[in-house]
Amino acid sequence: MNKYFYLNNYFQVEGTVTKFLIADPIWDGSEKEKANIAIEQAMLDEEQKLFKDLIFIRGIEDNYANLHLKVLEIIINLLFF
């Protein structure tokens, strides 16, 4: 039977690793949105330093239409990293 444990505010199965894929944000071209993106990126960078559970994907906008590209990125990371 799998053993579960509580880590980083969520349950995880023993022997597994949880990663989150973060693609590029959707930018509408405004300066306000650019500032918000910079703040969010700084927060993500800080989280990455603490938990090391993020995989950043550059060159793909983070939206539902690009979900298949994120899945391919997961496969590539599992095979080669």
Protein backbone atom coordinates (compact mmCIF):
# COMPACT_ATOMS: atom_id res chain seq x y z
CA MET A 1 0.00 0.00 0.00
CA ASN A 2 1.26 3.48 -0.84
CA LYS A 3 2.26 5.70 2.02
CA TYR A 4 1.01 9.26 1.85
CA PHE A 5 2.61 12.23 3.52
CA TYR A 6 1.92 15.94 3.80
CA LEU A 7 4.47 18.17 2.08
CA ASN A 8 4.28 21.84 1.09
CA ASN A 9 0.55 22.03 1.92
CA TYR A 10 -0.55 19.06 -0.17
CA PHE A 11 -0.57 15.28 0.09
CA GLN A 12 1.99 13.32 -1.85
CA VAL A 13 2.61 9.63 -2.41
CA GLU A 14 5.90 8.42 -0.95
CA GLY A 15 8.53 7.96 -3.64
CA THR A 16 6.95 10.45 -6.05
CA VAL A 17 8.02 13.92 -7.10
CA THR A 18 5.63 16.75 -7.86
CA LYS A 19 6.62 19.47 -10.32
CA PHE A 20 4.66 22.39 -11.74
CA LEU A 21 5.17 23.57 -15.31
CA ILE A 22 4.98 27.31 -15.76
CA ALA A 23 4.84 28.69 -19.30
CA ASP A 24 5.15 32.32 -20.36
CA PRO A 25 2.32 34.61 -19.19
CA ILE A 26 -0.08 36.12 -21.68
CA TRP A 27 0.84 39.78 -22.10
CA ASP A 28 -1.63 42.29 -23.53
CA GLY A 29 1.11 44.83 -24.33
CA SER A 30 0.28 47.29 -21.54
CA GLU A 31 2.88 48.64 -19.13
CA LYS A 32 0.64 47.76 -16.17
CA GLU A 33 0.46 44.14 -17.25
CA LYS A 34 4.23 44.12 -17.82
CA ALA A 35 4.74 45.29 -14.23
CA ASN A 36 2.34 42.62 -12.92
CA ILE A 37 4.20 39.95 -14.87
CA ALA A 38 7.51 41.09 -13.37
CA ILE A 39 6.04 40.86 -9.85
CA GLU A 40 4.62 37.39 -10.54
CA GLN A 41 7.95 36.22 -11.96
CA ALA A 42 9.79 37.45 -8.87
CA MET A 43 7.34 35.52 -6.68
CA LEU A 44 7.79 32.39 -8.81
CA ASP A 45 11.58 32.73 -8.61
CA GLU A 46 11.35 32.95 -4.81
CA GLU A 47 9.13 29.86 -4.68
CA GLN A 48 11.60 28.01 -6.90
CA LYS A 49 14.44 28.87 -4.50
CA LEU A 50 12.43 27.47 -1.56
CA PHE A 51 10.81 24.34 -3.01
CA LYS A 52 12.60 23.61 -6.33
CA ASP A 53 9.31 22.31 -7.74
CA LEU A 54 8.85 24.51 -10.82
CA ILE A 55 9.84 23.88 -14.41
CA PHE A 56 9.80 27.04 -16.52
CA ILE A 57 8.89 26.70 -20.18
CA ARG A 58 9.97 29.64 -22.32
CA GLY A 59 8.48 30.51 -25.69
CA ILE A 60 5.02 29.04 -25.02
CA GLU A 61 2.10 31.12 -23.73
CA ASP A 62 0.42 29.57 -20.70
CA ASN A 63 -3.10 28.93 -21.96
CA TYR A 64 -5.39 25.98 -22.56
CA ALA A 65 -4.72 25.94 -26.30
CA ASN A 66 -1.05 25.18 -25.57
CA LEU A 67 -1.69 22.43 -23.03
CA HIS A 68 -0.43 19.76 -25.44
CA LEU A 69 2.90 21.59 -25.64
CA LYS A 70 3.19 21.51 -21.84
CA VAL A 71 2.51 17.76 -21.89
CA LEU A 72 5.30 17.28 -24.46
CA GLU A 73 7.61 19.32 -22.24
CA ILE A 74 6.82 16.99 -19.33
CA ILE A 75 7.74 13.97 -21.45
CA ILE A 76 10.99 15.59 -22.57
CA ASN A 77 11.91 16.46 -18.96
CA LEU A 78 11.16 12.93 -17.79
CA LEU A 79 13.26 11.36 -20.53
CA PHE A 80 16.27 13.64 -20.56
CA PHE A 81 16.57 15.41 -17.16
